[in-house]
């Protein structure tokens, strides 16, 4: 995932000039627990992060949609109060197994939940939907946006490359784009809850509406395809 952000050479990253704070929040096999992820979010906040990119997610409780519930969603709320942008994967339980919610902690009102599309801008079959989150209003309905997430080239072990699919790479593309927006508009860095609201409203208004999505918000596509350049011009 880091190569999508800061890769060099043939795997050029989207925001190569950012400084990374790397925190291990899950195990090598991809498992983890809510309190550990919350601790990672809090640590990133305390170490000065402007954006927290979370290519992970777990089952969310309905209460989490209104700001109650898990430790990780509470950590997102605390980060947002500082003006930190928290970007999280929508989850990969789309299709017949979809439970009607995006994954936690992206389910939090203050997070930016990202679904995945393929190279033809069609929703990836695995991308989680958000139609059960009826308590949320614009610009916080879930997911907020979609980004590329199918057959994405990334750096791999031992100098190799690999193709990966999921809402995890999609979340990093959005994080990279937001980093560019903050580079152009530094006053938005850690500017409190109002700064997060400004960013989310600009994201909603600038997202590219796709042919098969409902407007203004679609349970699968969110407000549309994330557009960093257009968003930067509308902040």
C-alpha atoms as a PDB file:
ATOM      1  CA  UNK A   1       0.000   0.000   0.000  1.00  0.00           C
ATOM      2  CA  UNK A   2       2.856   2.394   0.726  1.00  0.00           C
ATOM      3  CA  UNK A   3       4.049   2.092  -2.877  1.00  0.00           C
ATOM      4  CA  UNK A   4       0.729   3.533  -4.097  1.00  0.00           C
ATOM      5  CA  UNK A   5       1.485   6.586  -1.999  1.00  0.00           C
ATOM      6  CA  UNK A   6       5.257   7.098  -2.290  1.00  0.00           C
ATOM      7  CA  UNK A   7       6.511   4.652  -4.942  1.00  0.00           C
ATOM      8  CA  UNK A   8       9.364   5.608  -7.257  1.00  0.00           C
ATOM      9  CA  UNK A   9      10.316   4.619 -10.800  1.00  0.00           C
ATOM     10  CA  UNK A  10       7.882   2.393 -12.680  1.00  0.00           C
ATOM     11  CA  UNK A  11       5.583   2.306  -9.626  1.00  0.00           C
ATOM     12  CA  UNK A  12       5.333   6.048  -9.169  1.00  0.00           C
ATOM     13  CA  UNK A  13       3.237   6.944  -6.147  1.00  0.00           C
ATOM     14  CA  UNK A  14       0.466   9.500  -6.027  1.00  0.00           C
ATOM     15  CA  UNK A  15       2.049  11.742  -3.377  1.00  0.00           C
ATOM     16  CA  UNK A  16       5.797  11.008  -3.358  1.00  0.00           C
ATOM     17  CA  UNK A  17       6.746  13.993  -1.180  1.00  0.00           C
ATOM     18  CA  UNK A  18       4.741  13.067   1.904  1.00  0.00           C
ATOM     19  CA  UNK A  19       6.351  11.986   5.139  1.00  0.00           C
ATOM     20  CA  UNK A  20       5.138   8.618   6.388  1.00  0.00           C
ATOM     21  CA  UNK A  21       4.338   7.557   9.937  1.00  0.00           C
ATOM     22  CA  UNK A  22       4.136   3.763   9.721  1.00  0.00           C
ATOM     23  CA  UNK A  23       2.327   1.990  12.550  1.00  0.00           C
ATOM     24  CA  UNK A  24       1.758  -1.759  12.716  1.00  0.00           C
ATOM     25  CA  UNK A  25      -1.910  -2.259  13.620  1.00  0.00           C
ATOM     26  CA  UNK A  26      -2.629  -5.766  12.291  1.00  0.00           C
ATOM     27  CA  UNK A  27      -0.747  -9.050  12.136  1.00  0.00           C
ATOM     28  CA  UNK A  28       1.013 -10.535   9.105  1.00  0.00           C
ATOM     29  CA  UNK A  29      -2.066 -12.616   8.222  1.00  0.00           C
ATOM     30  CA  UNK A  30      -4.285  -9.515   8.212  1.00  0.00           C
ATOM     31  CA  UNK A  31      -6.065 -10.105  11.505  1.00  0.00           C
ATOM     32  CA  UNK A  32      -6.383  -7.597  14.304  1.00  0.00           C
ATOM     33  CA  UNK A  33      -8.627  -6.286  17.037  1.00  0.00           C
ATOM     34  CA  UNK A  34     -10.533  -3.084  17.533  1.00  0.00           C
ATOM     35  CA  UNK A  35      -8.562  -1.787  20.498  1.00  0.00           C
ATOM     36  CA  UNK A  36      -5.204  -2.227  18.740  1.00  0.00           C
ATOM     37  CA  UNK A  37      -6.456  -0.356  15.676  1.00  0.00           C
ATOM     38  CA  UNK A  38      -7.809   2.396  17.941  1.00  0.00           C
ATOM     39  CA  UNK A  39      -4.410   2.640  19.607  1.00  0.00           C
ATOM     40  CA  UNK A  40      -2.758   2.968  16.193  1.00  0.00           C
ATOM     41  CA  UNK A  41      -5.120   5.800  15.219  1.00  0.00           C
ATOM     42  CA  UNK A  42      -4.445   7.584  18.493  1.00  0.00           C
ATOM     43  CA  UNK A  43      -0.686   7.143  18.097  1.00  0.00           C
ATOM     44  CA  UNK A  44      -0.764   8.606  14.585  1.00  0.00           C
ATOM     45  CA  UNK A  45      -2.782  11.542  15.895  1.00  0.00           C
ATOM     46  CA  UNK A  46      -0.299  12.162  18.675  1.00  0.00           C
ATOM     47  CA  UNK A  47       2.663  11.966  16.285  1.00  0.00           C
ATOM     48  CA  UNK A  48       1.343  14.765  14.086  1.00  0.00           C
ATOM     49  CA  UNK A  49      -0.385  12.970  11.223  1.00  0.00           C
ATOM     50  CA  UNK A  50      -2.478  15.133   8.875  1.00  0.00           C
ATOM     51  CA  UNK A  51      -4.022  12.103   7.159  1.00  0.00           C
ATOM     52  CA  UNK A  52      -4.517   8.606   8.558  1.00  0.00           C
ATOM     53  CA  UNK A  53      -4.861   5.977   5.824  1.00  0.00           C
ATOM     54  CA  UNK A  54      -6.443   2.712   6.974  1.00  0.00           C
ATOM     55  CA  UNK A  55      -6.405  -0.136   4.479  1.00  0.00           C
ATOM     56  CA  UNK A  56      -8.339  -2.332   6.865  1.00  0.00           C
ATOM     57  CA  UNK A  57     -11.794  -2.799   8.285  1.00  0.00           C
ATOM     58  CA  UNK A  58     -14.039  -5.025  10.317  1.00  0.00           C
ATOM     59  CA  UNK A  59     -17.681  -5.650  10.999  1.00  0.00           C
ATOM     60  CA  UNK A  60     -19.425  -2.534  12.256  1.00  0.00           C
ATOM     61  CA  UNK A  61     -22.265  -2.212  14.718  1.00  0.00           C
ATOM     62  CA  UNK A  62     -25.233  -0.089  13.765  1.00  0.00           C
ATOM     63  CA  UNK A  63     -24.464   2.196  16.697  1.00  0.00           C
ATOM     64  CA  UNK A  64     -21.125   3.019  15.134  1.00  0.00           C
ATOM     65  CA  UNK A  65     -22.917   4.901  12.358  1.00  0.00           C
ATOM     66  CA  UNK A  66     -24.040   7.537  14.840  1.00  0.00           C
ATOM     67  CA  UNK A  67     -20.707   7.863  16.589  1.00  0.00           C
ATOM     68  CA  UNK A  68     -21.162   5.262  19.319  1.00  0.00           C
ATOM     69  CA  UNK A  69     -19.752   1.798  19.748  1.00  0.00           C
ATOM     70  CA  UNK A  70     -16.287   0.587  18.961  1.00  0.00           C
ATOM     71  CA  UNK A  71     -12.963   1.924  20.183  1.00  0.00           C
ATOM     72  CA  UNK A  72     -11.727   2.487  16.632  1.00  0.00           C
ATOM     73  CA  UNK A  73     -14.693   4.617  15.602  1.00  0.00           C
ATOM     74  CA  UNK A  74     -14.286   6.645  18.792  1.00  0.00           C
ATOM     75  CA  UNK A  75     -10.605   7.131  17.889  1.00  0.00           C
ATOM     76  CA  UNK A  76     -11.658   8.420  14.464  1.00  0.00           C
ATOM     77  CA  UNK A  77     -13.964  10.938  16.123  1.00  0.00           C
ATOM     78  CA  UNK A  78     -11.138  12.154  18.351  1.00  0.00           C
ATOM     79  CA  UNK A  79      -8.795  12.492  15.356  1.00  0.00           C
ATOM     80  CA  UNK A  80     -11.379  14.444  13.392  1.00  0.00           C
ATOM     81  CA  UNK A  81     -11.753  16.927  16.236  1.00  0.00           C
ATOM     82  CA  UNK A  82      -8.099  17.770  15.636  1.00  0.00           C
ATOM     83  CA  UNK A  83      -8.775  18.174  11.921  1.00  0.00           C
ATOM     84  CA  UNK A  84      -7.101  14.927  10.864  1.00  0.00           C
ATOM     85  CA  UNK A  85      -8.513  13.284   7.733  1.00  0.00           C
ATOM     86  CA  UNK A  86      -9.139   9.589   8.365  1.00  0.00           C
ATOM     87  CA  UNK A  87      -9.499   7.521   5.182  1.00  0.00           C
ATOM     88  CA  UNK A  88     -10.614   3.894   5.473  1.00  0.00           C
ATOM     89  CA  UNK A  89     -11.507   0.973   3.234  1.00  0.00           C
ATOM     90  CA  UNK A  90     -15.232   0.437   2.730  1.00  0.00           C
ATOM     91  CA  UNK A  91     -14.705  -3.314   3.023  1.00  0.00           C
ATOM     92  CA  UNK A  92     -14.714  -6.312   0.714  1.00  0.00           C
ATOM     93  CA  UNK A  93     -17.973  -8.066   1.560  1.00  0.00           C
ATOM     94  CA  UNK A  94     -19.948  -6.868  -1.470  1.00  0.00           C
ATOM     95  CA  UNK A  95     -22.312  -9.070  -3.436  1.00  0.00           C
ATOM     96  CA  UNK A  96     -24.665 -11.618  -1.836  1.00  0.00           C
ATOM     97  CA  UNK A  97     -22.770 -11.505   1.463  1.00  0.00           C
ATOM     98  CA  UNK A  98     -23.023  -7.721   1.871  1.00  0.00           C
ATOM     99  CA  UNK A  99     -24.378  -6.803   5.300  1.00  0.00           C
ATOM    100  CA  UNK A 100     -25.526  -3.317   4.289  1.00  0.00           C
ATOM    101  CA  UNK A 101     -22.778  -1.394   6.025  1.00  0.00           C
ATOM    102  CA  UNK A 102     -19.264  -0.351   5.191  1.00  0.00           C
ATOM    103  CA  UNK A 103     -16.533  -1.661   7.464  1.00  0.00           C
ATOM    104  CA  UNK A 104     -15.464  -0.061  10.715  1.00  0.00           C
ATOM    105  CA  UNK A 105     -13.829   2.330  11.392  1.00  0.00           C
ATOM    106  CA  UNK A 106     -14.879   3.835   8.045  1.00  0.00           C
ATOM    107  CA  UNK A 107     -18.458   3.595   9.285  1.00  0.00           C
ATOM    108  CA  UNK A 108     -17.767   6.568  11.540  1.00  0.00           C
ATOM    109  CA  UNK A 109     -19.443   9.806  10.483  1.00  0.00           C
ATOM    110  CA  UNK A 110     -16.091  11.564  10.539  1.00  0.00           C
ATOM    111  CA  UNK A 111     -14.181   9.009   8.462  1.00  0.00           C
ATOM    112  CA  UNK A 112     -13.934   8.971   4.673  1.00  0.00           C
ATOM    113  CA  UNK A 113     -15.015   5.511   3.520  1.00  0.00           C
ATOM    114  CA  UNK A 114     -13.756   4.434   0.081  1.00  0.00           C
ATOM    115  CA  UNK A 115     -15.228   1.814  -2.236  1.00  0.00           C
ATOM    116  CA  UNK A 116     -13.541   0.311  -5.301  1.00  0.00           C
ATOM    117  CA  UNK A 117     -14.108   0.438  -9.065  1.00  0.00           C
ATOM    118  CA  UNK A 118     -12.360  -1.334 -11.926  1.00  0.00           C
ATOM    119  CA  UNK A 119     -10.624   0.187 -14.950  1.00  0.00           C
ATOM    120  CA  UNK A 120     -13.997   0.606 -16.685  1.00  0.00           C
ATOM    121  CA  UNK A 121     -15.318   2.548 -13.665  1.00  0.00           C
ATOM    122  CA  UNK A 122     -17.698  -0.271 -12.777  1.00  0.00           C
ATOM    123  CA  UNK A 123     -18.159  -1.096  -9.113  1.00  0.00           C
ATOM    124  CA  UNK A 124     -15.931  -3.966  -8.022  1.00  0.00           C
ATOM    125  CA  UNK A 125     -18.024  -6.995  -7.116  1.00  0.00           C
ATOM    126  CA  UNK A 126     -16.420  -7.145  -3.663  1.00  0.00           C
ATOM    127  CA  UNK A 127     -16.880  -3.461  -2.732  1.00  0.00           C
ATOM    128  CA  UNK A 128     -19.108  -3.052   0.343  1.00  0.00           C
ATOM    129  CA  UNK A 129     -22.287  -1.006   0.242  1.00  0.00           C
ATOM    130  CA  UNK A 130     -23.622   1.442   2.799  1.00  0.00           C
ATOM    131  CA  UNK A 131     -27.395   1.365   2.458  1.00  0.00           C
ATOM    132  CA  UNK A 132     -28.099   0.502   6.119  1.00  0.00           C
ATOM    133  CA  UNK A 133     -26.605   3.725   7.472  1.00  0.00           C
ATOM    134  CA  UNK A 134     -29.773   5.759   7.454  1.00  0.00           C
ATOM    135  CA  UNK A 135     -28.706   8.057  10.302  1.00  0.00           C
ATOM    136  CA  UNK A 136     -26.047   9.816   8.225  1.00  0.00           C
ATOM    137  CA  UNK A 137     -26.635  12.870   6.036  1.00  0.00           C
ATOM    138  CA  UNK A 138     -24.612  14.567   3.281  1.00  0.00           C
ATOM    139  CA  UNK A 139     -21.636  14.762   2.994  1.00  0.00           C
ATOM    140  CA  UNK A 140     -21.119  11.856   5.397  1.00  0.00           C
ATOM    141  CA  UNK A 141     -23.190   9.071   3.863  1.00  0.00           C
ATOM    142  CA  UNK A 142     -21.297   5.853   3.220  1.00  0.00           C
ATOM    143  CA  UNK A 143     -19.227   5.226   1.280  1.00  0.00           C
ATOM    144  CA  UNK A 144     -18.180   8.778   0.469  1.00  0.00           C
ATOM    145  CA  UNK A 145     -16.326   8.024  -2.780  1.00  0.00           C
ATOM    146  CA  UNK A 146     -14.897   5.257  -4.936  1.00  0.00           C
ATOM    147  CA  UNK A 147     -11.400   4.917  -6.416  1.00  0.00           C
ATOM    148  CA  UNK A 148      -9.459   2.330  -8.452  1.00  0.00           C
ATOM    149  CA  UNK A 149      -9.201  -0.978  -6.624  1.00  0.00           C
ATOM    150  CA  UNK A 150      -8.951  -3.808  -9.160  1.00  0.00           C
ATOM    151  CA  UNK A 151      -5.630  -5.239 -10.416  1.00  0.00           C
ATOM    152  CA  UNK A 152      -3.520  -2.436  -8.952  1.00  0.00           C
ATOM    153  CA  UNK A 153       0.256  -2.814  -9.395  1.00  0.00           C
ATOM    154  CA  UNK A 154       2.126  -2.558  -6.078  1.00  0.00           C
ATOM    155  CA  UNK A 155       5.579  -3.208  -4.683  1.00  0.00           C
ATOM    156  CA  UNK A 156       5.965  -6.702  -3.230  1.00  0.00           C
ATOM    157  CA  UNK A 157       8.536  -8.775  -1.393  1.00  0.00           C
ATOM    158  CA  UNK A 158      12.132  -9.129  -2.548  1.00  0.00           C
ATOM    159  CA  UNK A 159      11.926  -6.351  -5.109  1.00  0.00           C
ATOM    160  CA  UNK A 160       9.013  -7.940  -6.942  1.00  0.00           C
ATOM    161  CA  UNK A 161       5.696  -6.419  -7.978  1.00  0.00           C
ATOM    162  CA  UNK A 162       2.186  -7.792  -7.687  1.00  0.00           C
ATOM    163  CA  UNK A 163      -1.379  -7.048  -8.719  1.00  0.00           C
ATOM    164  CA  UNK A 164      -3.804  -6.592  -5.851  1.00  0.00           C
ATOM    165  CA  UNK A 165      -7.536  -5.926  -5.640  1.00  0.00           C
ATOM    166  CA  UNK A 166      -9.669  -4.580  -2.829  1.00  0.00           C
ATOM    167  CA  UNK A 167     -10.937  -1.433  -1.198  1.00  0.00           C
ATOM    168  CA  UNK A 168      -7.528  -1.215   0.518  1.00  0.00           C
ATOM    169  CA  UNK A 169      -5.689   0.183  -2.543  1.00  0.00           C
ATOM    170  CA  UNK A 170      -8.705   2.376  -3.298  1.00  0.00           C
ATOM    171  CA  UNK A 171      -8.371   3.992   0.136  1.00  0.00           C
ATOM    172  CA  UNK A 172      -4.689   4.731  -0.460  1.00  0.00           C
ATOM    173  CA  UNK A 173      -5.408   6.422  -3.798  1.00  0.00           C
ATOM    174  CA  UNK A 174      -7.794   8.759  -1.981  1.00  0.00           C
ATOM    175  CA  UNK A 175      -5.265   9.350   0.806  1.00  0.00           C
ATOM    176  CA  UNK A 176      -2.630  10.255  -1.778  1.00  0.00           C
ATOM    177  CA  UNK A 177      -4.993  12.653  -3.510  1.00  0.00           C
ATOM    178  CA  UNK A 178      -5.924  14.294  -0.235  1.00  0.00           C
ATOM    179  CA  UNK A 179      -2.229  14.741   0.546  1.00  0.00           C
ATOM    180  CA  UNK A 180      -1.882  16.732  -2.677  1.00  0.00           C
ATOM    181  CA  UNK A 181      -4.911  18.827  -1.719  1.00  0.00           C
ATOM    182  CA  UNK A 182      -3.346  19.611   1.667  1.00  0.00           C
ATOM    183  CA  UNK A 183      -0.050  20.503   0.007  1.00  0.00           C
ATOM    184  CA  UNK A 184      -1.902  23.097  -2.068  1.00  0.00           C
ATOM    185  CA  UNK A 185      -4.105  24.259   0.820  1.00  0.00           C
ATOM    186  CA  UNK A 186      -1.954  23.934   3.968  1.00  0.00           C
ATOM    187  CA  UNK A 187      -4.445  25.920   6.034  1.00  0.00           C
ATOM    188  CA  UNK A 188      -6.648  22.811   6.003  1.00  0.00           C
ATOM    189  CA  UNK A 189      -4.079  20.751   7.898  1.00  0.00           C
ATOM    190  CA  UNK A 190      -5.311  19.826  11.362  1.00  0.00           C
ATOM    191  CA  UNK A 191      -7.808  22.692  11.289  1.00  0.00           C
ATOM    192  CA  UNK A 192     -10.364  21.086  13.577  1.00  0.00           C
ATOM    193  CA  UNK A 193     -13.742  19.591  12.824  1.00  0.00           C
ATOM    194  CA  UNK A 194     -14.607  22.505  10.549  1.00  0.00           C
ATOM    195  CA  UNK A 195     -11.621  21.656   8.361  1.00  0.00           C
ATOM    196  CA  UNK A 196     -12.757  18.050   8.017  1.00  0.00           C
ATOM    197  CA  UNK A 197     -16.246  19.268   7.122  1.00  0.00           C
ATOM    198  CA  UNK A 198     -14.780  21.603   4.480  1.00  0.00           C
ATOM    199  CA  UNK A 199     -12.812  18.749   2.926  1.00  0.00           C
ATOM    200  CA  UNK A 200     -15.755  16.352   2.917  1.00  0.00           C
ATOM    201  CA  UNK A 201     -18.083  18.914   1.348  1.00  0.00           C
ATOM    202  CA  UNK A 202     -15.514  19.664  -1.363  1.00  0.00           C
ATOM    203  CA  UNK A 203     -15.058  15.936  -1.955  1.00  0.00           C
ATOM    204  CA  UNK A 204     -18.798  15.456  -2.327  1.00  0.00           C
ATOM    205  CA  UNK A 205     -19.268  18.343  -4.753  1.00  0.00           C
ATOM    206  CA  UNK A 206     -16.246  17.520  -6.924  1.00  0.00           C
ATOM    207  CA  UNK A 207     -16.630  13.735  -7.231  1.00  0.00           C
ATOM    208  CA  UNK A 208     -17.286  12.527 -10.768  1.00  0.00           C
ATOM    209  CA  UNK A 209     -20.782  11.146 -11.150  1.00  0.00           C
ATOM    210  CA  UNK A 210     -20.667   7.771 -12.897  1.00  0.00           C
ATOM    211  CA  UNK A 211     -23.229   6.501 -15.391  1.00  0.00           C
ATOM    212  CA  UNK A 212     -24.763   3.806 -13.210  1.00  0.00           C
ATOM    213  CA  UNK A 213     -24.883   5.649  -9.891  1.00  0.00           C
ATOM    214  CA  UNK A 214     -27.775   7.315  -8.125  1.00  0.00           C
ATOM    215  CA  UNK A 215     -27.415  10.994  -7.210  1.00  0.00           C
ATOM    216  CA  UNK A 216     -26.636  12.776  -5.005  1.00  0.00           C
ATOM    217  CA  UNK A 217     -25.519   9.632  -3.170  1.00  0.00           C
ATOM    218  CA  UNK A 218     -25.374   6.019  -4.205  1.00  0.00           C
ATOM    219  CA  UNK A 219     -25.153   3.133  -1.718  1.00  0.00           C
ATOM    220  CA  UNK A 220     -22.349   1.592  -3.780  1.00  0.00           C
ATOM    221  CA  UNK A 221     -20.567   4.479  -5.541  1.00  0.00           C
ATOM    222  CA  UNK A 222     -21.018   7.093  -2.825  1.00  0.00           C
ATOM    223  CA  UNK A 223     -20.901  10.608  -4.268  1.00  0.00           C
ATOM    224  CA  UNK A 224     -18.864   9.343  -7.208  1.00  0.00           C
ATOM    225  CA  UNK A 225     -15.283   8.849  -8.349  1.00  0.00           C
ATOM    226  CA  UNK A 226     -12.750  10.774  -6.261  1.00  0.00           C
ATOM    227  CA  UNK A 227     -11.194  13.685  -8.189  1.00  0.00           C
ATOM    228  CA  UNK A 228      -8.230  15.263  -6.421  1.00  0.00           C
ATOM    229  CA  UNK A 229      -7.604  18.053  -8.918  1.00  0.00           C
ATOM    230  CA  UNK A 230     -11.238  19.129  -9.140  1.00  0.00           C
ATOM    231  CA  UNK A 231     -11.550  18.948  -5.373  1.00  0.00           C
ATOM    232  CA  UNK A 232      -8.497  21.127  -4.869  1.00  0.00           C
ATOM    233  CA  UNK A 233     -10.113  23.790  -7.019  1.00  0.00           C
ATOM    234  CA  UNK A 234     -13.362  23.706  -5.051  1.00  0.00           C
ATOM    235  CA  UNK A 235     -12.001  23.882  -1.487  1.00  0.00           C
END
